[in-house]
Amino acid sequence: MSNAAGILERVGAVRQGHFVLASGNHSPTYVNKDAIYTRPLWTDTLACEIAEVCGEWRPDVVLGPVIGGALLAQWVTYRLSLPLHVYKWFDPNRTILAAYADRGVGKFFVLKRGYGELVNGKRVLVVEDVITTGASAVGVVGAVRRCGGSVVGVAAIVNRTGKSAADLAIGMDISVVHCLLDMDIPMWPVADCPLCKQGVSISTNLGKGL
């Protein structure tokens, strides 16, 4: 069983109120992924859980979207690289690299800083902290493929879409998705937001409310 739910509770990551998400949708619940990274030991715990499953996919590169996904990519790569011979997939002769994707125009992501050459011809694991609509993960998958990389799967700490991992994989046009914690959290377009209609103030401390 994953420790994700307990860690999110300990860091106070799940907040209630009226929030604007990166997608522009509104939601009564916000998963403050940044709170996780203030505790490196707990971040490492979650990265270890991802590595235990995704190591079977034998990635050459672990890559996430800026900013949180970039931090998670470092930790997952670290865990995949430790000489823990209890894992059948561990190979001391393999070097697994970490990288990240920059946000481009709109929902597009791009690989800068030489990362495009890094993923060319390589097996890439895309990691994300929270999947809300899946747009960021899809954008990173597209960036990897444009640079000649092969995406072996997507892993995330939290899936808050309410969709199954299999449905997410189909939507992302990849083989597999692995999420440590599934949450079914409502979100609405601005025009349909019941909180707006009730006059509930939008949070300016978390989310895109500013």
Protein backbone atom coordinates (compact mmCIF):
# COMPACT_ATOMS: atom_id res chain seq x y z
CA MET A 1 0.00 0.00 0.00
CA SER A 2 1.26 3.48 -0.89
CA ASN A 3 2.24 6.05 1.73
CA ALA A 4 1.00 8.87 -0.51
CA ALA A 5 -2.27 9.58 1.30
CA GLY A 6 -0.56 9.73 4.70
CA ILE A 7 2.23 11.98 3.44
CA LEU A 8 -0.22 14.39 1.80
CA GLU A 9 -2.12 14.57 5.09
CA ARG A 10 1.02 15.20 7.14
CA VAL A 11 2.18 18.09 4.97
CA GLY A 12 -1.33 19.56 4.72
CA ALA A 13 -1.29 19.28 0.94
CA VAL A 14 -5.03 18.72 0.42
CA ARG A 15 -6.86 22.00 0.95
CA GLN A 16 -10.55 22.87 0.76
CA GLY A 17 -12.04 26.12 -0.55
CA HIS A 18 -12.48 27.68 -4.00
CA PHE A 19 -9.48 27.32 -6.28
CA VAL A 20 -8.48 28.13 -9.85
CA LEU A 21 -6.47 25.31 -11.40
CA ALA A 22 -3.73 25.60 -14.01
CA SER A 23 -6.25 24.42 -16.60
CA GLY A 24 -8.47 27.41 -15.79
CA ASN A 25 -11.11 25.14 -14.26
CA HIS A 26 -12.38 25.76 -10.74
CA SER A 27 -12.40 23.20 -7.92
CA PRO A 28 -13.38 22.95 -4.24
CA THR A 29 -10.18 20.99 -3.51
CA TYR A 30 -6.56 21.81 -4.22
CA VAL A 31 -3.66 19.39 -3.96
CA ASN A 32 -0.68 21.55 -3.02
CA LYS A 33 2.06 19.41 -4.52
CA ASP A 34 4.71 21.99 -3.59
CA ALA A 35 4.19 21.15 0.08
CA ILE A 36 5.53 17.65 -0.59
CA TYR A 37 8.92 18.93 -1.75
CA THR A 38 9.55 20.81 1.49
CA ARG A 39 10.16 17.37 3.07
CA PRO A 40 12.93 15.62 1.08
CA LEU A 41 12.71 12.40 3.09
CA TRP A 42 9.03 12.02 2.29
CA THR A 43 9.66 13.01 -1.31
CA ASP A 44 12.20 10.21 -1.42
CA THR A 45 9.65 7.79 0.02
CA LEU A 46 7.23 8.56 -2.81
CA ALA A 47 9.99 8.41 -5.43
CA CYS A 48 10.99 5.00 -4.09
CA GLU A 49 7.42 3.73 -4.53
CA ILE A 50 7.39 4.95 -8.13
CA ALA A 51 10.80 3.43 -8.84
CA GLU A 52 9.78 0.04 -7.45
CA VAL A 53 7.06 -0.25 -10.09
CA CYS A 54 8.47 1.74 -13.00
CA GLY A 55 11.92 0.18 -12.85
CA GLU A 56 10.33 -2.77 -14.64
CA TRP A 57 9.80 -0.46 -17.61
CA ARG A 58 13.60 -0.03 -17.87
CA PRO A 59 13.78 3.70 -18.67
CA ASP A 60 17.02 5.32 -19.78
CA VAL A 61 15.79 8.82 -18.88
CA VAL A 62 13.30 10.08 -16.29
CA LEU A 63 11.73 13.37 -17.30
CA GLY A 64 9.09 15.64 -15.79
CA PRO A 65 7.52 19.03 -16.53
CA VAL A 66 8.81 22.07 -14.67
CA ILE A 67 8.72 22.74 -11.78
CA GLY A 68 7.51 19.96 -9.52
CA GLY A 69 7.94 17.23 -12.12
CA ALA A 70 11.58 18.22 -12.52
CA LEU A 71 12.18 17.74 -8.79
CA LEU A 72 10.38 14.41 -8.80
CA ALA A 73 12.40 13.24 -11.82
CA GLN A 74 15.62 13.77 -9.86
CA TRP A 75 14.42 11.70 -6.92
CA VAL A 76 13.00 8.88 -9.03
CA THR A 77 16.23 8.70 -11.04
CA TYR A 78 18.21 8.56 -7.81
CA ARG A 79 16.12 5.65 -6.58
CA LEU A 80 16.36 3.81 -9.92
CA SER A 81 20.15 4.18 -9.82
CA LEU A 82 20.79 2.74 -6.35
CA PRO A 83 22.47 -0.69 -6.38
CA LEU A 84 19.53 -2.54 -4.82
CA HIS A 85 20.00 -5.98 -6.27
CA VAL A 86 16.68 -7.21 -4.90
CA TYR A 87 15.14 -5.71 -8.04
CA LYS A 88 15.38 -7.98 -11.07
CA TRP A 89 15.50 -4.95 -13.35
CA PHE A 90 18.60 -3.44 -11.73
CA ASP A 91 21.62 -3.37 -14.03
CA PRO A 92 24.87 -1.90 -12.64
CA ASN A 93 26.05 -1.20 -16.18
CA ARG A 94 23.12 1.09 -17.02
CA THR A 95 23.19 4.82 -16.39
CA ILE A 96 19.77 6.41 -15.92
CA LEU A 97 19.58 10.15 -16.46
CA ALA A 98 17.20 12.84 -15.19
CA ALA A 99 15.91 15.78 -17.22
CA TYR A 100 12.95 18.13 -17.44
CA ALA A 101 10.73 19.84 -19.98
CA ASP A 102 10.19 23.58 -20.17
CA ARG A 103 6.77 25.04 -20.85
CA GLY A 104 6.44 26.39 -24.37
CA VAL A 105 3.51 28.20 -25.96
CA GLY A 106 0.08 27.20 -24.69
CA LYS A 107 -0.03 23.56 -23.62
CA PHE A 108 3.15 22.65 -25.47
CA PHE A 109 6.34 21.60 -23.72
CA VAL A 110 9.82 21.75 -25.20
CA LEU A 111 13.12 20.09 -24.39
CA LYS A 112 15.87 22.70 -24.09
CA ARG A 113 19.38 22.66 -22.56
CA GLY A 114 20.48 19.75 -24.71
CA TYR A 115 17.78 17.47 -23.31
CA GLY A 116 16.42 16.87 -26.82
CA GLU A 117 19.61 15.07 -27.79
CA LEU A 118 19.58 13.31 -24.43
CA VAL A 119 16.25 11.56 -25.06
CA ASN A 120 16.79 10.84 -28.75
CA GLY A 121 16.57 7.09 -29.28
CA LYS A 122 16.08 6.49 -25.53
CA ARG A 123 13.38 4.93 -23.38
CA VAL A 124 11.79 7.72 -21.33
CA LEU A 125 9.70 7.59 -18.16
CA VAL A 126 7.57 10.73 -17.75
CA VAL A 127 6.82 11.65 -14.13
CA GLU A 128 4.28 14.13 -12.80
CA ASP A 129 3.33 15.02 -9.24
CA VAL A 130 -0.40 15.66 -9.74
CA ILE A 131 -2.43 14.75 -12.82
CA THR A 132 -5.40 17.11 -13.00
CA THR A 133 -6.49 17.06 -16.64
CA GLY A 134 -3.47 15.20 -17.99
CA ALA A 135 -2.57 18.07 -20.33
CA SER A 136 0.93 18.56 -18.90
CA ALA A 137 1.77 14.86 -19.14
CA VAL A 138 0.45 14.73 -22.71
CA GLY A 139 2.52 17.82 -23.56
CA VAL A 140 5.69 16.25 -22.19
CA VAL A 141 5.02 12.97 -23.99
CA GLY A 142 4.69 14.94 -27.22
CA ALA A 143 7.96 16.80 -26.58
CA VAL A 144 9.80 13.51 -26.02
CA ARG A 145 8.43 12.00 -29.21
CA ARG A 146 9.29 15.07 -31.27
CA CYS A 147 12.89 14.63 -30.13
CA GLY A 148 12.97 10.97 -31.12
CA GLY A 149 12.46 9.43 -27.68
CA SER A 150 10.18 6.51 -26.83
CA VAL A 151 7.85 6.98 -23.83
CA VAL A 152 7.63 3.76 -21.79
CA GLY A 153 4.96 5.15 -19.47
CA VAL A 154 3.80 7.93 -17.15
CA ALA A 155 3.96 7.85 -13.35
CA ALA A 156 2.41 10.29 -10.89
CA ILE A 157 1.98 10.78 -7.17
CA VAL A 158 -1.69 11.80 -7.41
CA ASN A 159 -4.33 11.21 -10.05
CA ARG A 160 -7.19 13.57 -9.20
CA THR A 161 -9.16 13.12 -12.42
CA GLY A 162 -11.41 10.30 -11.25
CA LYS A 163 -10.35 8.33 -14.34
CA SER A 164 -8.68 4.93 -14.15
CA ALA A 165 -5.01 4.50 -15.00
CA ALA A 166 -6.06 2.52 -18.08
CA ASP A 167 -8.30 5.37 -19.29
CA LEU A 168 -5.51 7.89 -18.71
CA ALA A 169 -3.10 5.74 -20.72
CA ILE A 170 -5.54 5.62 -23.62
CA GLY A 171 -6.01 9.40 -23.47
CA MET A 172 -2.25 9.97 -23.42
CA ASP A 173 -1.64 7.43 -26.22
CA ILE A 174 0.90 5.51 -24.14
CA SER A 175 1.15 1.97 -22.86
CA VAL A 176 0.84 2.41 -19.07
CA VAL A 177 0.15 4.93 -16.31
CA HIS A 178 0.98 4.30 -12.66
CA CYS A 179 -0.37 6.57 -9.89
CA LEU A 180 0.33 6.18 -6.18
CA LEU A 181 -3.00 7.73 -5.14
CA ASP A 182 -6.31 8.07 -7.03
CA MET A 183 -8.69 10.86 -6.02
CA ASP A 184 -12.01 11.78 -7.63
CA ILE A 185 -12.13 15.55 -7.15
CA PRO A 186 -14.71 17.68 -9.00
CA MET A 187 -13.69 20.57 -11.21
CA TRP A 188 -15.77 22.81 -13.43
CA PRO A 189 -15.37 25.35 -16.22
CA VAL A 190 -15.78 28.90 -14.92
CA ALA A 191 -19.26 29.25 -16.42
CA ASP A 192 -20.48 26.12 -14.58
CA CYS A 193 -18.73 26.67 -11.25
CA PRO A 194 -21.30 26.42 -8.39
CA LEU A 195 -18.89 28.14 -6.01
CA CYS A 196 -18.78 31.22 -8.24
CA LYS A 197 -22.57 31.23 -8.39
CA GLN A 198 -22.69 31.07 -4.58
CA GLY A 199 -20.27 33.99 -4.32
CA VAL A 200 -17.55 31.98 -2.57
CA SER A 201 -14.27 33.89 -2.67
CA ILE A 202 -11.48 32.47 -4.79
CA SER A 203 -8.29 31.58 -2.93
CA THR A 204 -5.34 33.83 -3.78
CA ASN A 205 -2.87 31.87 -1.66
CA LEU A 206 -2.92 28.64 -3.63
CA GLY A 207 -3.63 27.81 -7.24
CA LYS A 208 -3.92 30.36 -10.02
CA GLY A 209 -6.30 32.65 -8.16
CA LEU A 210 -3.90 35.59 -8.37
